[in-house]
Amino acid sequence: ANLPVPTIAAMDGTALGGGLELALACDIRVAASSAKMGLVETKLAIIPGAGGTQRLPRTIGVSLAKELIFSARVVDGEEAKSIGLISHVVEQNEAGDAAYRRALALAKEFLPQGPVAMRVAKLAINQGMEV
């Protein structure tokens, strides 16, 4: 989350527990419609770590985050998009890398921008969200 450059999580498979927590630390999340994701730690009688209990509510809202964490529900890419957990959902391709390809296309859109402006914009957004 503190990297000074934009980060994009590409989820083409399963991101449960720590995998989703890592994705939540990224600036943008892209997933295949068939991807599965959730913070399922309560099934193990523990709570999400690595910022999951903080980042998920900031991303999708407190009430819905509580529902997903309390139930340990797993959502697919379509539902993740509908609740605002991810920015883009794509149909999986035969190679199994559809989300990766979409993330790469997004990264290419970012490349021409001024690196200092990108760094400062990310810092301003991140700090503003914590006020």
Protein backbone atom coordinates (compact mmCIF):
# COMPACT_ATOMS: atom_id res chain seq x y z
CA ALA A 1 0.00 0.00 0.00
CA ASN A 2 2.90 2.35 0.67
CA LEU A 3 4.70 1.79 -2.62
CA PRO A 4 5.07 5.20 -4.31
CA VAL A 5 3.76 3.85 -7.63
CA PRO A 6 0.30 2.62 -8.63
CA THR A 7 -0.30 -1.05 -7.83
CA ILE A 8 -2.83 -3.30 -9.56
CA ALA A 9 -3.99 -6.67 -8.25
CA ALA A 10 -4.98 -9.16 -10.97
CA MET A 11 -7.11 -12.01 -9.63
CA ASP A 12 -7.53 -14.82 -12.12
CA GLY A 13 -8.13 -17.56 -9.55
CA THR A 14 -8.70 -17.67 -5.81
CA ALA A 15 -7.89 -14.88 -3.33
CA LEU A 16 -8.99 -15.97 0.12
CA GLY A 17 -7.75 -14.54 3.40
CA GLY A 18 -4.24 -13.23 2.88
CA GLY A 19 -4.64 -13.23 -0.90
CA LEU A 20 -7.54 -10.80 -0.73
CA GLU A 21 -5.79 -8.77 1.97
CA LEU A 22 -2.84 -8.34 -0.39
CA ALA A 23 -5.22 -7.31 -3.18
CA LEU A 24 -6.91 -4.80 -0.85
CA ALA A 25 -3.52 -3.19 -0.25
CA CYS A 26 -3.30 -2.46 -3.99
CA ASP A 27 -4.67 0.70 -5.55
CA ILE A 28 -6.81 -1.09 -8.15
CA ARG A 29 -8.21 -4.61 -8.29
CA VAL A 30 -9.12 -6.51 -11.46
CA ALA A 31 -10.66 -9.98 -11.46
CA ALA A 32 -11.93 -12.62 -13.80
CA SER A 33 -15.65 -13.28 -13.44
CA SER A 34 -14.78 -16.80 -12.29
CA ALA A 35 -12.33 -15.62 -9.59
CA LYS A 36 -13.23 -16.37 -5.98
CA MET A 37 -12.39 -13.99 -3.14
CA GLY A 38 -13.22 -13.45 0.49
CA LEU A 39 -11.93 -12.88 3.99
CA VAL A 40 -12.71 -16.34 5.37
CA GLU A 41 -10.66 -16.28 8.57
CA THR A 42 -13.71 -16.39 10.87
CA LYS A 43 -14.26 -19.98 9.66
CA LEU A 44 -10.99 -20.72 11.45
CA ALA A 45 -12.03 -18.81 14.58
CA ILE A 46 -9.58 -16.00 13.83
CA ILE A 47 -9.99 -12.55 12.28
CA PRO A 48 -8.55 -11.17 9.04
CA GLY A 49 -5.07 -9.77 9.47
CA ALA A 50 -2.82 -7.66 7.24
CA GLY A 51 -5.30 -4.79 7.26
CA GLY A 52 -8.33 -6.72 6.02
CA THR A 53 -10.58 -5.44 8.80
CA GLN A 54 -9.58 -1.87 7.93
CA ARG A 55 -9.27 -1.92 4.14
CA LEU A 56 -12.40 -3.92 3.31
CA PRO A 57 -14.77 -1.47 5.10
CA ARG A 58 -13.01 1.48 3.45
CA THR A 59 -13.51 -0.20 0.08
CA ILE A 60 -17.08 -1.52 0.25
CA GLY A 61 -18.57 0.14 3.34
CA VAL A 62 -18.75 -0.90 6.97
CA SER A 63 -22.03 -2.84 7.00
CA LEU A 64 -21.28 -4.95 3.93
CA ALA A 65 -17.70 -5.59 5.10
CA LYS A 66 -19.04 -6.83 8.44
CA GLU A 67 -21.49 -9.11 6.64
CA LEU A 68 -18.78 -10.63 4.45
CA ILE A 69 -16.30 -11.06 7.32
CA PHE A 70 -18.89 -12.38 9.81
CA SER A 71 -20.24 -14.91 7.28
CA ALA A 72 -16.83 -15.74 5.72
CA ARG A 73 -18.66 -15.54 2.39
CA VAL A 74 -16.76 -16.08 -0.84
CA VAL A 75 -17.82 -13.94 -3.81
CA ASP A 76 -17.06 -14.30 -7.51
CA GLY A 77 -15.80 -11.57 -9.81
CA GLU A 78 -19.28 -10.44 -10.85
CA GLU A 79 -20.48 -9.97 -7.27
CA ALA A 80 -17.16 -8.38 -6.30
CA LYS A 81 -17.67 -5.79 -9.03
CA SER A 82 -21.27 -5.14 -8.00
CA ILE A 83 -20.28 -4.39 -4.39
CA GLY A 84 -17.28 -2.24 -5.34
CA LEU A 85 -14.60 -4.68 -4.19
CA ILE A 86 -12.95 -4.64 -7.61
CA SER A 87 -12.75 -2.00 -10.32
CA HIS A 88 -12.95 -4.26 -13.36
CA VAL A 89 -14.36 -7.72 -14.06
CA VAL A 90 -13.46 -9.63 -17.22
CA GLU A 91 -14.49 -12.96 -18.67
CA GLN A 92 -11.80 -15.58 -18.18
CA ASN A 93 -9.95 -16.67 -21.32
CA GLU A 94 -8.49 -20.05 -22.30
CA ALA A 95 -5.04 -19.07 -21.05
CA GLY A 96 -6.47 -18.24 -17.61
CA ASP A 97 -4.88 -14.78 -17.55
CA ALA A 98 -7.74 -12.43 -18.46
CA ALA A 99 -7.44 -10.31 -15.29
CA TYR A 100 -3.68 -10.09 -15.73
CA ARG A 101 -4.13 -8.87 -19.31
CA ARG A 102 -6.66 -6.23 -18.22
CA ALA A 103 -4.33 -5.11 -15.42
CA LEU A 104 -1.49 -4.81 -17.92
CA ALA A 105 -3.67 -2.65 -20.19
CA LEU A 106 -4.47 -0.38 -17.25
CA ALA A 107 -0.79 -0.10 -16.36
CA LYS A 108 -0.04 0.94 -19.94
CA GLU A 109 -2.58 3.78 -19.55
CA PHE A 110 -0.67 5.00 -16.49
CA LEU A 111 2.81 4.90 -18.04
CA PRO A 112 2.70 8.19 -19.98
CA GLN A 113 1.77 10.20 -16.88
CA GLY A 114 4.35 12.21 -14.95
CA PRO A 115 5.96 9.99 -12.30
CA VAL A 116 6.18 12.73 -9.67
CA ALA A 117 2.53 13.65 -10.21
CA MET A 118 1.53 9.99 -9.90
CA ARG A 119 3.49 9.58 -6.67
CA VAL A 120 2.08 12.75 -5.12
CA ALA A 121 -1.48 12.00 -6.27
CA LYS A 122 -1.33 8.54 -4.68
CA LEU A 123 0.03 10.02 -1.45
CA ALA A 124 -2.67 12.71 -1.35
CA ILE A 125 -5.46 10.22 -1.98
CA ASN A 126 -4.16 7.73 0.60
CA GLN A 127 -3.65 10.37 3.30
CA GLY A 128 -6.99 11.99 2.56
CA MET A 129 -8.80 8.68 3.02
CA GLU A 130 -7.40 8.33 6.53
CA VAL A 131 -8.55 11.76 7.74
